Amino acid sequence: MTGQEPVTGTEAVPGPMPAVPLRFSRRRVLRALFLSSLGVIIASFLAQLLFTRDEDGIGVLRSVWLGVCAMWLVVLTAIRKRHNVAKGTVYLVVLISGVCVYWDYLTGWLRWSLTYAIPIVCACSILALLITVRVMRLELGDHILYTGLTVVLGLAPMVFLALGWVTNPVASGVCGVITVTALGVLQVARGAPVRHELAKRLHL
């Protein structure tokens, strides 16, 4: 046989070893990654308690590390609750507010978390959620419970202001105005359907 002739042979013979497909649950892997990441973040937060609040040299490192952990926690929550925008917003407001308060405590409790961070987070979340519901045309039953809860959380800065826990009243006042306005919009625009849906979902 010369190099110009085509190569011929018998039929293909299966290999002696069986082909074993890789089998794993994607949901289980994602859940394991989520829980592992959450465990690392919680451990990181607890590890901050090992350092004194005024220890030299740890301030910048602590801030950077807490910022990374907070960012990763927000990403995890957004991915986990991506199918329910309103519910995910509530989770994000609670998590970000909690991280800010803890961060404030670790850095000497200057009350910037109560004065600025929480009011800004609450106000922006209310506005973002109202815009998202409007643009995406979400059904009332899909979002009203958590939208209402988000708006109620917006009243927290007003409580901080009334108790004298803030050093500057502007952010809390603005958040209060936005919260009251949002409550008014929900009541005037869709008052009866909102009350009916809340009563149905809360079994009242």
N, C-alpha and C. Protein backbone atom coordinates (compact mmCIF):
# COMPACT_ATOMS: atom_id res chain seq x y z
N MET A 1 0.86 -1.19 0.00
CA MET A 1 0.00 0.00 0.00
C MET A 1 0.89 1.23 0.00
N THR A 2 0.65 2.11 -0.97
CA THR A 2 1.44 3.34 -1.08
C THR A 2 0.78 4.42 -0.22
N GLY A 3 1.48 5.53 -0.09
CA GLY A 3 0.97 6.64 0.70
C GLY A 3 -0.22 7.31 0.07
N GLN A 4 -0.51 7.06 -1.28
CA GLN A 4 -1.62 7.69 -1.97
C GLN A 4 -2.94 6.98 -1.76
N GLU A 5 -2.91 5.76 -1.29
CA GLU A 5 -4.14 4.98 -1.17
C GLU A 5 -4.86 5.30 0.14
N PRO A 6 -6.22 5.34 0.09
CA PRO A 6 -6.98 5.63 1.32
C PRO A 6 -6.84 4.50 2.33
N VAL A 7 -6.94 4.88 3.56
CA VAL A 7 -6.82 3.91 4.64
C VAL A 7 -8.18 3.27 4.87
N THR A 8 -8.21 1.98 4.89
CA THR A 8 -9.45 1.24 5.13
C THR A 8 -9.27 0.34 6.33
N GLY A 9 -10.37 -0.03 6.96
CA GLY A 9 -10.28 -0.89 8.12
C GLY A 9 -11.64 -1.46 8.46
N THR A 10 -11.69 -2.19 9.51
CA THR A 10 -12.94 -2.80 9.94
C THR A 10 -13.78 -1.78 10.70
N GLU A 11 -14.96 -2.21 11.12
CA GLU A 11 -15.85 -1.33 11.86
C GLU A 11 -15.23 -0.95 13.21
N ALA A 12 -15.67 0.21 13.70
CA ALA A 12 -15.14 0.70 14.98
C ALA A 12 -15.50 -0.24 16.11
N VAL A 13 -14.54 -0.50 16.93
CA VAL A 13 -14.75 -1.40 18.06
C VAL A 13 -14.82 -0.56 19.33
N PRO A 14 -15.84 -0.75 20.16
CA PRO A 14 -15.93 0.03 21.40
C PRO A 14 -14.78 -0.27 22.34
N GLY A 15 -14.39 0.75 23.11
CA GLY A 15 -13.29 0.60 24.04
C GLY A 15 -13.61 -0.42 25.13
N PRO A 16 -12.60 -0.97 25.73
CA PRO A 16 -12.83 -1.98 26.76
C PRO A 16 -13.41 -1.40 28.05
N MET A 17 -13.18 -0.09 28.32
CA MET A 17 -13.66 0.54 29.54
C MET A 17 -14.97 1.28 29.25
N PRO A 18 -15.97 1.09 30.09
CA PRO A 18 -17.25 1.79 29.85
C PRO A 18 -17.11 3.29 30.10
N ALA A 19 -17.86 4.06 29.32
CA ALA A 19 -17.87 5.52 29.48
C ALA A 19 -18.79 5.87 30.65
N VAL A 20 -18.21 6.44 31.67
CA VAL A 20 -18.98 6.81 32.87
C VAL A 20 -19.21 8.32 32.85
N PRO A 21 -20.45 8.76 32.68
CA PRO A 21 -20.72 10.21 32.65
C PRO A 21 -20.55 10.82 34.04
N LEU A 22 -20.14 12.09 34.05
CA LEU A 22 -20.04 12.81 35.31
C LEU A 22 -21.43 13.21 35.76
N ARG A 23 -21.75 12.83 36.96
CA ARG A 23 -23.08 13.14 37.49
C ARG A 23 -22.94 13.95 38.77
N PHE A 24 -23.56 15.12 38.79
CA PHE A 24 -23.61 15.93 39.99
C PHE A 24 -24.82 16.85 39.90
N SER A 25 -25.29 17.27 41.04
CA SER A 25 -26.43 18.16 41.11
C SER A 25 -25.94 19.60 41.10
N ARG A 26 -26.32 20.34 40.09
CA ARG A 26 -25.91 21.73 40.01
C ARG A 26 -26.46 22.53 41.19
N ARG A 27 -27.69 22.21 41.57
CA ARG A 27 -28.29 22.91 42.69
C ARG A 27 -27.52 22.63 43.98
N ARG A 28 -27.09 21.38 44.15
CA ARG A 28 -26.34 21.02 45.35
C ARG A 28 -24.99 21.73 45.40
N VAL A 29 -24.34 21.83 44.25
CA VAL A 29 -23.04 22.51 44.19
C VAL A 29 -23.21 23.99 44.53
N LEU A 30 -24.23 24.64 43.95
CA LEU A 30 -24.47 26.05 44.22
C LEU A 30 -24.83 26.28 45.68
N ARG A 31 -25.60 25.36 46.24
CA ARG A 31 -25.96 25.49 47.65
C ARG A 31 -24.73 25.35 48.54
N ALA A 32 -23.85 24.40 48.19
CA ALA A 32 -22.62 24.22 48.97
C ALA A 32 -21.73 25.45 48.88
N LEU A 33 -21.63 26.04 47.68
CA LEU A 33 -20.83 27.25 47.52
C LEU A 33 -21.43 28.41 48.31
N PHE A 34 -22.75 28.51 48.27
CA PHE A 34 -23.42 29.59 49.00
C PHE A 34 -23.19 29.46 50.50
N LEU A 35 -23.39 28.25 51.03
CA LEU A 35 -23.23 28.04 52.47
C LEU A 35 -21.77 28.21 52.89
N SER A 36 -20.85 27.75 52.05
CA SER A 36 -19.43 27.91 52.37
C SER A 36 -19.04 29.38 52.41
N SER A 37 -19.49 30.13 51.41
CA SER A 37 -19.19 31.56 51.38
C SER A 37 -19.81 32.27 52.57
N LEU A 38 -21.04 31.90 52.90
CA LEU A 38 -21.71 32.52 54.04
C LEU A 38 -20.97 32.21 55.34
N GLY A 39 -20.49 30.97 55.47
CA GLY A 39 -19.73 30.60 56.66
C GLY A 39 -18.44 31.39 56.78
N VAL A 40 -17.74 31.58 55.66
CA VAL A 40 -16.49 32.34 55.67
C VAL A 40 -16.76 33.80 56.06
N ILE A 41 -17.84 34.36 55.53
CA ILE A 41 -18.17 35.76 55.84
C ILE A 41 -18.50 35.93 57.32
N ILE A 42 -19.32 35.02 57.85
CA ILE A 42 -19.67 35.10 59.27
C ILE A 42 -18.43 34.94 60.14
N ALA A 43 -17.57 34.00 59.78
CA ALA A 43 -16.33 33.81 60.54
C ALA A 43 -15.46 35.07 60.47
N SER A 44 -15.44 35.73 59.32
CA SER A 44 -14.66 36.95 59.17
C SER A 44 -15.20 38.06 60.06
N PHE A 45 -16.53 38.18 60.11
CA PHE A 45 -17.13 39.19 60.97
C PHE A 45 -16.81 38.91 62.45
N LEU A 46 -16.91 37.66 62.85
CA LEU A 46 -16.63 37.32 64.24
C LEU A 46 -15.15 37.51 64.57
N ALA A 47 -14.28 37.28 63.59
CA ALA A 47 -12.85 37.43 63.83
C ALA A 47 -12.49 38.88 64.12
N GLN A 48 -13.29 39.82 63.65
CA GLN A 48 -13.01 41.23 63.91
C GLN A 48 -13.08 41.56 65.40
N LEU A 49 -13.83 40.76 66.14
CA LEU A 49 -13.97 41.00 67.58
C LEU A 49 -12.68 40.69 68.34
N LEU A 50 -11.75 39.99 67.70
CA LEU A 50 -10.48 39.65 68.35
C LEU A 50 -9.55 40.85 68.45
N PHE A 51 -9.86 41.89 67.66
CA PHE A 51 -9.02 43.09 67.67
C PHE A 51 -9.75 44.21 68.41
N THR A 52 -9.00 45.00 69.12
CA THR A 52 -9.60 46.14 69.79
C THR A 52 -10.00 47.20 68.77
N ARG A 53 -10.97 48.02 69.15
CA ARG A 53 -11.51 48.98 68.20
C ARG A 53 -10.53 50.08 67.83
N ASP A 54 -9.59 50.36 68.71
CA ASP A 54 -8.63 51.43 68.45
C ASP A 54 -7.21 50.93 68.23
N GLU A 55 -7.10 49.66 67.84
CA GLU A 55 -5.76 49.11 67.63
C GLU A 55 -5.11 49.71 66.39
N ASP A 56 -3.87 50.17 66.55
CA ASP A 56 -3.17 50.81 65.44
C ASP A 56 -2.83 49.78 64.35
N GLY A 57 -2.95 50.21 63.11
CA GLY A 57 -2.57 49.38 61.98
C GLY A 57 -3.64 48.43 61.49
N ILE A 58 -4.72 48.25 62.26
CA ILE A 58 -5.75 47.31 61.83
C ILE A 58 -6.92 48.02 61.17
N GLY A 59 -6.97 49.35 61.32
CA GLY A 59 -8.13 50.09 60.82
C GLY A 59 -8.34 49.95 59.32
N VAL A 60 -7.29 50.21 58.54
CA VAL A 60 -7.42 50.14 57.09
C VAL A 60 -7.69 48.72 56.64
N LEU A 61 -6.92 47.77 57.17
CA LEU A 61 -7.11 46.38 56.79
C LEU A 61 -8.51 45.90 57.14
N ARG A 62 -8.99 46.28 58.31
CA ARG A 62 -10.34 45.90 58.72
C ARG A 62 -11.39 46.48 57.78
N SER A 63 -11.22 47.74 57.41
CA SER A 63 -12.19 48.38 56.52
C SER A 63 -12.22 47.70 55.16
N VAL A 64 -11.05 47.41 54.62
CA VAL A 64 -10.98 46.75 53.32
C VAL A 64 -11.62 45.37 53.38
N TRP A 65 -11.29 44.61 54.42
CA TRP A 65 -11.81 43.26 54.53
C TRP A 65 -13.33 43.26 54.74
N LEU A 66 -13.83 44.14 55.58
CA LEU A 66 -15.27 44.23 55.78
C LEU A 66 -15.97 44.67 54.50
N GLY A 67 -15.34 45.56 53.75
CA GLY A 67 -15.93 45.98 52.48
C GLY A 67 -16.04 44.83 51.50
N VAL A 68 -14.99 44.02 51.41
CA VAL A 68 -15.02 42.85 50.51
C VAL A 68 -16.10 41.86 50.96
N CYS A 69 -16.16 41.60 52.25
CA CYS A 69 -17.16 40.66 52.77
C CYS A 69 -18.57 41.17 52.53
N ALA A 70 -18.77 42.46 52.76
CA ALA A 70 -20.09 43.04 52.53
C ALA A 70 -20.48 42.95 51.06
N MET A 71 -19.54 43.23 50.17
CA MET A 71 -19.82 43.15 48.74
C MET A 71 -20.20 41.72 48.34
N TRP A 72 -19.43 40.75 48.83
CA TRP A 72 -19.70 39.35 48.49
C TRP A 72 -21.04 38.91 49.07
N LEU A 73 -21.38 39.41 50.26
CA LEU A 73 -22.66 39.07 50.86
C LEU A 73 -23.81 39.63 50.04
N VAL A 74 -23.65 40.82 49.55
CA VAL A 74 -24.69 41.42 48.69
C VAL A 74 -24.84 40.62 47.40
N VAL A 75 -23.72 40.22 46.81
CA VAL A 75 -23.77 39.43 45.57
C VAL A 75 -24.48 38.09 45.82
N LEU A 76 -24.14 37.42 46.90
CA LEU A 76 -24.78 36.15 47.22
C LEU A 76 -26.29 36.31 47.41
N THR A 77 -26.68 37.36 48.10
CA THR A 77 -28.10 37.59 48.35
C THR A 77 -28.82 37.92 47.05
N ALA A 78 -28.21 38.74 46.21
CA ALA A 78 -28.84 39.11 44.94
C ALA A 78 -29.03 37.89 44.05
N ILE A 79 -28.05 37.00 44.03
CA ILE A 79 -28.17 35.79 43.22
C ILE A 79 -29.21 34.85 43.81
N ARG A 80 -29.20 34.72 45.13
CA ARG A 80 -30.12 33.79 45.80
C ARG A 80 -31.57 34.22 45.63
N LYS A 81 -31.84 35.53 45.66
CA LYS A 81 -33.20 36.04 45.61
C LYS A 81 -33.50 36.75 44.28
N ARG A 82 -32.84 36.33 43.22
CA ARG A 82 -32.99 37.03 41.95
C ARG A 82 -34.37 36.85 41.33
N HIS A 83 -35.09 35.80 41.71
CA HIS A 83 -36.40 35.55 41.12
C HIS A 83 -37.52 36.35 41.80
N ASN A 84 -37.22 36.98 42.93
CA ASN A 84 -38.19 37.80 43.64
C ASN A 84 -37.52 39.11 44.00
N VAL A 85 -37.76 40.14 43.17
CA VAL A 85 -37.07 41.41 43.33
C VAL A 85 -37.38 42.05 44.67
N ALA A 86 -38.65 42.07 45.06
CA ALA A 86 -39.05 42.73 46.30
C ALA A 86 -38.46 42.02 47.52
N LYS A 87 -38.52 40.69 47.52
CA LYS A 87 -37.98 39.93 48.64
C LYS A 87 -36.47 40.12 48.73
N GLY A 88 -35.79 40.10 47.59
CA GLY A 88 -34.35 40.33 47.58
C GLY A 88 -34.00 41.71 48.10
N THR A 89 -34.84 42.71 47.80
CA THR A 89 -34.59 44.06 48.29
C THR A 89 -34.65 44.13 49.81
N VAL A 90 -35.64 43.46 50.39
CA VAL A 90 -35.75 43.42 51.86
C VAL A 90 -34.50 42.79 52.47
N TYR A 91 -34.07 41.67 51.90
CA TYR A 91 -32.87 41.00 52.41
C TYR A 91 -31.65 41.93 52.33
N LEU A 92 -31.53 42.62 51.20
CA LEU A 92 -30.37 43.49 51.01
C LEU A 92 -30.40 44.66 51.99
N VAL A 93 -31.58 45.24 52.22
CA VAL A 93 -31.68 46.36 53.16
C VAL A 93 -31.27 45.91 54.56
N VAL A 94 -31.77 44.76 54.99
CA VAL A 94 -31.45 44.26 56.33
C VAL A 94 -29.97 43.92 56.45
N LEU A 95 -29.42 43.24 55.44
CA LEU A 95 -28.01 42.83 55.49
C LEU A 95 -27.07 44.02 55.46
N ILE A 96 -27.30 44.95 54.53
CA ILE A 96 -26.42 46.11 54.42
C ILE A 96 -26.49 46.96 55.68
N SER A 97 -27.70 47.15 56.20
CA SER A 97 -27.86 47.94 57.42
C SER A 97 -27.14 47.27 58.59
N GLY A 98 -27.30 45.96 58.71
CA GLY A 98 -26.62 45.24 59.79
C GLY A 98 -25.11 45.32 59.70
N VAL A 99 -24.58 45.18 58.48
CA VAL A 99 -23.13 45.27 58.28
C VAL A 99 -22.63 46.67 58.63
N CYS A 100 -23.39 47.69 58.25
CA CYS A 100 -22.96 49.06 58.54
C CYS A 100 -22.94 49.34 60.04
N VAL A 101 -23.98 48.87 60.75
CA VAL A 101 -24.01 49.06 62.20
C VAL A 101 -22.83 48.34 62.85
N TYR A 102 -22.56 47.12 62.43
CA TYR A 102 -21.44 46.35 62.99
C TYR A 102 -20.11 47.03 62.67
N TRP A 103 -19.98 47.51 61.46
CA TRP A 103 -18.78 48.21 61.03
C TRP A 103 -18.58 49.47 61.87
N ASP A 104 -19.67 50.20 62.09
CA ASP A 104 -19.61 51.40 62.91
C ASP A 104 -19.16 51.07 64.34
N TYR A 105 -19.67 49.99 64.88
CA TYR A 105 -19.28 49.57 66.23
C TYR A 105 -17.80 49.24 66.30
N LEU A 106 -17.30 48.53 65.28
CA LEU A 106 -15.89 48.13 65.30
C LEU A 106 -14.94 49.31 65.16
N THR A 107 -15.41 50.38 64.54
CA THR A 107 -14.54 51.53 64.29
C THR A 107 -14.76 52.66 65.30
N GLY A 108 -15.38 52.34 66.44
CA GLY A 108 -15.48 53.34 67.50
C GLY A 108 -16.87 53.89 67.75
N TRP A 109 -17.87 53.41 67.05
CA TRP A 109 -19.27 53.82 67.22
C TRP A 109 -19.43 55.34 67.12
N LEU A 110 -19.18 55.83 65.92
CA LEU A 110 -19.38 57.25 65.62
C LEU A 110 -20.80 57.54 65.15
N ARG A 111 -21.60 56.49 65.04
CA ARG A 111 -23.03 56.58 64.66
C ARG A 111 -23.25 57.07 63.23
N TRP A 112 -22.24 56.89 62.37
CA TRP A 112 -22.45 57.22 60.96
C TRP A 112 -23.41 56.24 60.30
N SER A 113 -23.48 55.04 60.86
CA SER A 113 -24.40 54.05 60.29
C SER A 113 -25.86 54.47 60.48
N LEU A 114 -26.18 54.97 61.67
CA LEU A 114 -27.54 55.41 61.95
C LEU A 114 -27.84 56.76 61.33
N THR A 115 -26.83 57.60 61.22
CA THR A 115 -27.02 58.96 60.72
C THR A 115 -27.12 59.02 59.20
N TYR A 116 -26.29 58.24 58.52
CA TYR A 116 -26.22 58.34 57.06
C TYR A 116 -26.52 57.02 56.34
N ALA A 117 -25.83 55.95 56.74
CA ALA A 117 -25.89 54.71 55.95
C ALA A 117 -27.30 54.13 55.87
N ILE A 118 -27.92 53.89 57.02
CA ILE A 118 -29.24 53.25 57.01
C ILE A 118 -30.30 54.13 56.35
N PRO A 119 -30.38 55.43 56.65
CA PRO A 119 -31.37 56.25 55.93
C PRO A 119 -31.18 56.25 54.41
N ILE A 120 -29.93 56.32 53.97
CA ILE A 120 -29.67 56.34 52.52
C ILE A 120 -30.04 55.00 51.90
N VAL A 121 -29.66 53.91 52.55
CA VAL A 121 -29.99 52.57 52.02
C VAL A 121 -31.51 52.39 51.95
N CYS A 122 -32.22 52.78 52.99
CA CYS A 122 -33.68 52.61 53.01
C CYS A 122 -34.34 53.47 51.94
N ALA A 123 -33.95 54.73 51.86
CA ALA A 123 -34.56 55.63 50.88
C ALA A 123 -34.30 55.16 49.45
N CYS A 124 -33.06 54.80 49.16
CA CYS A 124 -32.73 54.34 47.80
C CYS A 124 -33.43 53.03 47.46
N SER A 125 -33.56 52.13 48.42
CA SER A 125 -34.23 50.86 48.16
C SER A 125 -35.71 51.06 47.87
N ILE A 126 -36.34 51.98 48.58
CA ILE A 126 -37.76 52.26 48.33
C ILE A 126 -37.95 52.81 46.92
N LEU A 127 -37.15 53.81 46.56
CA LEU A 127 -37.25 54.40 45.23
C LEU A 127 -36.96 53.37 44.14
N ALA A 128 -35.89 52.58 44.34
CA ALA A 128 -35.52 51.58 43.34
C ALA A 128 -36.61 50.53 43.19
N LEU A 129 -37.21 50.12 44.28
CA LEU A 129 -38.24 49.09 44.21
C LEU A 129 -39.50 49.61 43.54
N LEU A 130 -39.90 50.84 43.85
CA LEU A 130 -41.07 51.40 43.20
C LEU A 130 -40.86 51.55 41.70
N ILE A 131 -39.66 51.97 41.30
CA ILE A 131 -39.35 52.11 39.87
C ILE A 131 -39.33 50.73 39.21
N THR A 132 -38.71 49.75 39.85
CA THR A 132 -38.62 48.41 39.28
C THR A 132 -40.00 47.79 39.09
N VAL A 133 -40.85 47.92 40.10
CA VAL A 133 -42.20 47.38 40.00
C VAL A 133 -42.95 48.02 38.83
N ARG A 134 -42.76 49.33 38.68
CA ARG A 134 -43.44 50.05 37.60
C ARG A 134 -42.92 49.62 36.23
N VAL A 135 -41.60 49.55 36.08
CA VAL A 135 -40.99 49.24 34.79
C VAL A 135 -41.24 47.78 34.40
N MET A 136 -41.08 46.87 35.34
CA MET A 136 -41.23 45.45 35.04
C MET A 136 -42.69 44.98 35.06
N ARG A 137 -43.60 45.87 35.49
CA ARG A 137 -45.03 45.55 35.52
C ARG A 137 -45.31 44.26 36.29
N LEU A 138 -44.76 44.20 37.48
CA LEU A 138 -44.94 43.02 38.31
C LEU A 138 -46.37 42.93 38.82
N GLU A 139 -46.86 41.71 38.94
CA GLU A 139 -48.19 41.50 39.50
C GLU A 139 -48.19 41.91 40.97
N LEU A 140 -49.33 42.42 41.41
CA LEU A 140 -49.44 42.92 42.78
C LEU A 140 -49.10 41.84 43.81
N GLY A 141 -49.60 40.64 43.59
CA GLY A 141 -49.36 39.57 44.54
C GLY A 141 -47.92 39.12 44.61
N ASP A 142 -47.14 39.43 43.57
CA ASP A 142 -45.74 38.98 43.54
C ASP A 142 -44.81 39.87 44.35
N HIS A 143 -45.27 41.06 44.71
CA HIS A 143 -44.32 41.98 45.35
C HIS A 143 -44.89 42.76 46.52
N ILE A 144 -46.20 42.81 46.68
CA ILE A 144 -46.77 43.78 47.61
C ILE A 144 -46.33 43.55 49.06
N LEU A 145 -46.24 42.30 49.49
CA LEU A 145 -45.88 42.04 50.88
C LEU A 145 -44.49 42.58 51.20
N TYR A 146 -43.52 42.28 50.33
CA TYR A 146 -42.15 42.70 50.60
C TYR A 146 -41.93 44.17 50.24
N THR A 147 -42.72 44.69 49.30
CA THR A 147 -42.67 46.13 49.05
C THR A 147 -43.14 46.90 50.28
N GLY A 148 -44.25 46.43 50.86
CA GLY A 148 -44.74 47.06 52.08
C GLY A 148 -43.74 46.96 53.22
N LEU A 149 -43.08 45.82 53.34
CA LEU A 149 -42.09 45.63 54.39
C LEU A 149 -40.89 46.55 54.18
N THR A 150 -40.48 46.74 52.93
CA THR A 150 -39.38 47.65 52.63
C THR A 150 -39.73 49.07 53.02
N VAL A 151 -40.96 49.47 52.72
CA VAL A 151 -41.40 50.81 53.07
C VAL A 151 -41.46 50.98 54.59
N VAL A 152 -41.94 49.97 55.28
CA VAL A 152 -41.99 50.03 56.75
C VAL A 152 -40.58 50.16 57.33
N LEU A 153 -39.62 49.44 56.75
CA LEU A 153 -38.23 49.56 57.22
C LEU A 153 -37.72 50.99 57.07
N GLY A 154 -38.29 51.71 56.11
CA GLY A 154 -37.89 53.10 55.92
C GLY A 154 -38.27 54.00 57.07
N LEU A 155 -39.14 53.53 57.96
CA LEU A 155 -39.52 54.31 59.13
C LEU A 155 -38.47 54.23 60.24
N ALA A 156 -37.56 53.27 60.16
CA ALA A 156 -36.54 53.10 61.20
C ALA A 156 -35.70 54.35 61.41
N PRO A 157 -35.23 55.04 60.33
CA PRO A 157 -34.45 56.27 60.57
C PRO A 157 -35.24 57.33 61.33
N MET A 158 -36.55 57.37 61.15
CA MET A 158 -37.35 58.33 61.91
C MET A 158 -37.34 57.99 63.40
N VAL A 159 -37.31 56.71 63.70
CA VAL A 159 -37.20 56.28 65.10
C VAL A 159 -35.84 56.70 65.67
N PHE A 160 -34.78 56.50 64.88
CA PHE A 160 -33.44 56.91 65.32
C PHE A 160 -33.41 58.42 65.59
N LEU A 161 -34.07 59.17 64.72
CA LEU A 161 -34.10 60.63 64.88
C LEU A 161 -34.87 61.02 66.13
N ALA A 162 -36.00 60.37 66.37
CA ALA A 162 -36.82 60.69 67.54
C ALA A 162 -36.09 60.35 68.84
N LEU A 163 -35.28 59.31 68.82
CA LEU A 163 -34.54 58.89 70.02
C LEU A 163 -33.24 59.65 70.20
N GLY A 164 -32.88 60.50 69.24
CA GLY A 164 -31.66 61.28 69.35
C GLY A 164 -30.40 60.49 69.09
N TRP A 165 -30.50 59.45 68.28
CA TRP A 165 -29.34 58.60 68.02
C TRP A 165 -28.51 59.06 66.83
N VAL A 166 -28.94 60.10 66.15
CA VAL A 166 -28.24 60.55 64.94
C VAL A 166 -27.55 61.87 65.24
N THR A 167 -26.48 62.12 64.50
CA THR A 167 -25.73 63.37 64.68
C THR A 167 -26.12 64.43 63.67
N ASN A 168 -26.84 64.05 62.64
CA ASN A 168 -27.32 64.99 61.63
C ASN A 168 -28.69 64.53 61.16
N PRO A 169 -29.71 65.36 61.27
CA PRO A 169 -31.08 64.91 60.98
C PRO A 169 -31.47 64.90 59.51
N VAL A 170 -30.61 65.39 58.63
CA VAL A 170 -31.01 65.58 57.23
C VAL A 170 -31.35 64.26 56.56
N ALA A 171 -30.45 63.28 56.62
CA ALA A 171 -30.67 62.01 55.92
C ALA A 171 -31.91 61.30 56.46
N SER A 172 -32.09 61.29 57.77
CA SER A 172 -33.27 60.65 58.35
C SER A 172 -34.54 61.36 57.94
N GLY A 173 -34.49 62.69 57.89
CA GLY A 173 -35.66 63.45 57.46
C GLY A 173 -36.04 63.18 56.02
N VAL A 174 -35.04 63.15 55.14
CA VAL A 174 -35.31 62.86 53.73
C VAL A 174 -35.88 61.46 53.57
N CYS A 175 -35.31 60.49 54.29
CA CYS A 175 -35.82 59.12 54.24
C CYS A 175 -37.26 59.07 54.74
N GLY A 176 -37.55 59.81 55.79
CA GLY A 176 -38.93 59.84 56.30
C GLY A 176 -39.91 60.40 55.30
N VAL A 177 -39.51 61.46 54.60
CA VAL A 177 -40.39 62.05 53.58
C VAL A 177 -40.65 61.05 52.45
N ILE A 178 -39.59 60.37 52.00
CA ILE A 178 -39.74 59.39 50.93
C ILE A 178 -40.63 58.23 51.38
N THR A 179 -40.45 57.80 52.63
CA THR A 179 -41.25 56.69 53.14
C THR A 179 -42.71 57.05 53.23
N VAL A 180 -43.02 58.22 53.81
CA VAL A 180 -44.41 58.65 53.93
C VAL A 180 -45.03 58.85 52.55
N THR A 181 -44.26 59.40 51.61
CA THR A 181 -44.76 59.58 50.24
C THR A 181 -45.07 58.24 49.58
N ALA A 182 -44.17 57.26 49.77
CA ALA A 182 -44.40 55.94 49.20
C ALA A 182 -45.63 55.29 49.80
N LEU A 183 -45.83 55.43 51.10
CA LEU A 183 -47.03 54.90 51.73
C LEU A 183 -48.28 55.57 51.16
N GLY A 184 -48.20 56.88 50.96
CA GLY A 184 -49.33 57.58 50.37
C GLY A 184 -49.63 57.14 48.95
N VAL A 185 -48.57 56.94 48.16
CA VAL A 185 -48.76 56.48 46.78
C VAL A 185 -49.42 55.10 46.76
N LEU A 186 -48.95 54.20 47.60
CA LEU A 186 -49.55 52.86 47.65
C LEU A 186 -51.00 52.91 48.09
N GLN A 187 -51.31 53.82 49.03
CA GLN A 187 -52.66 53.90 49.54
C GLN A 187 -53.60 54.53 48.51
N VAL A 188 -53.16 55.62 47.87
CA VAL A 188 -54.03 56.34 46.93
C VAL A 188 -54.16 55.59 45.62
N ALA A 189 -53.04 55.10 45.10
CA ALA A 189 -53.06 54.47 43.78
C ALA A 189 -53.78 53.13 43.78
N ARG A 190 -53.47 52.29 44.76
CA ARG A 190 -54.02 50.93 44.76
C ARG A 190 -54.37 50.51 46.19
N GLY A 191 -55.08 51.37 46.87
CA GLY A 191 -55.37 51.13 48.27
C GLY A 191 -56.15 49.85 48.52
N ALA A 192 -57.29 49.70 47.87
CA ALA A 192 -58.13 48.52 48.11
C ALA A 192 -57.45 47.21 47.71
N PRO A 193 -56.86 47.11 46.48
CA PRO A 193 -56.15 45.87 46.13
C PRO A 193 -54.99 45.56 47.07
N VAL A 194 -54.29 46.60 47.52
CA VAL A 194 -53.16 46.38 48.43
C VAL A 194 -53.66 45.80 49.75
N ARG A 195 -54.71 46.39 50.31
CA ARG A 195 -55.26 45.89 51.57
C ARG A 195 -55.76 44.46 51.43
N HIS A 196 -56.41 44.18 50.30
CA HIS A 196 -56.93 42.83 50.07
C HIS A 196 -55.79 41.82 49.96
N GLU A 197 -54.75 42.18 49.22
CA GLU A 197 -53.63 41.26 49.02
C GLU A 197 -52.87 41.03 50.31
N LEU A 198 -52.67 42.09 51.09
CA LEU A 198 -51.98 41.93 52.37
C LEU A 198 -52.80 41.07 53.33
N ALA A 199 -54.12 41.29 53.37
CA ALA A 199 -54.96 40.48 54.24
C ALA A 199 -54.92 39.01 53.83
N LYS A 200 -54.88 38.75 52.53
CA LYS A 200 -54.85 37.37 52.04
C LYS A 200 -53.52 36.72 52.37
N ARG A 201 -52.43 37.43 52.19
CA ARG A 201 -51.12 36.83 52.41
C ARG A 201 -50.76 36.74 53.88
N LEU A 202 -51.31 37.63 54.69
CA LEU A 202 -51.05 37.57 56.13
C LEU A 202 -52.13 36.81 56.88
N HIS A 203 -53.09 36.26 56.13
CA HIS A 203 -54.17 35.44 56.70
C HIS A 203 -54.97 36.23 57.75
N LEU A 204 -55.27 37.47 57.41
CA LEU A 204 -56.06 38.31 58.32
C LEU A 204 -57.54 38.25 57.95
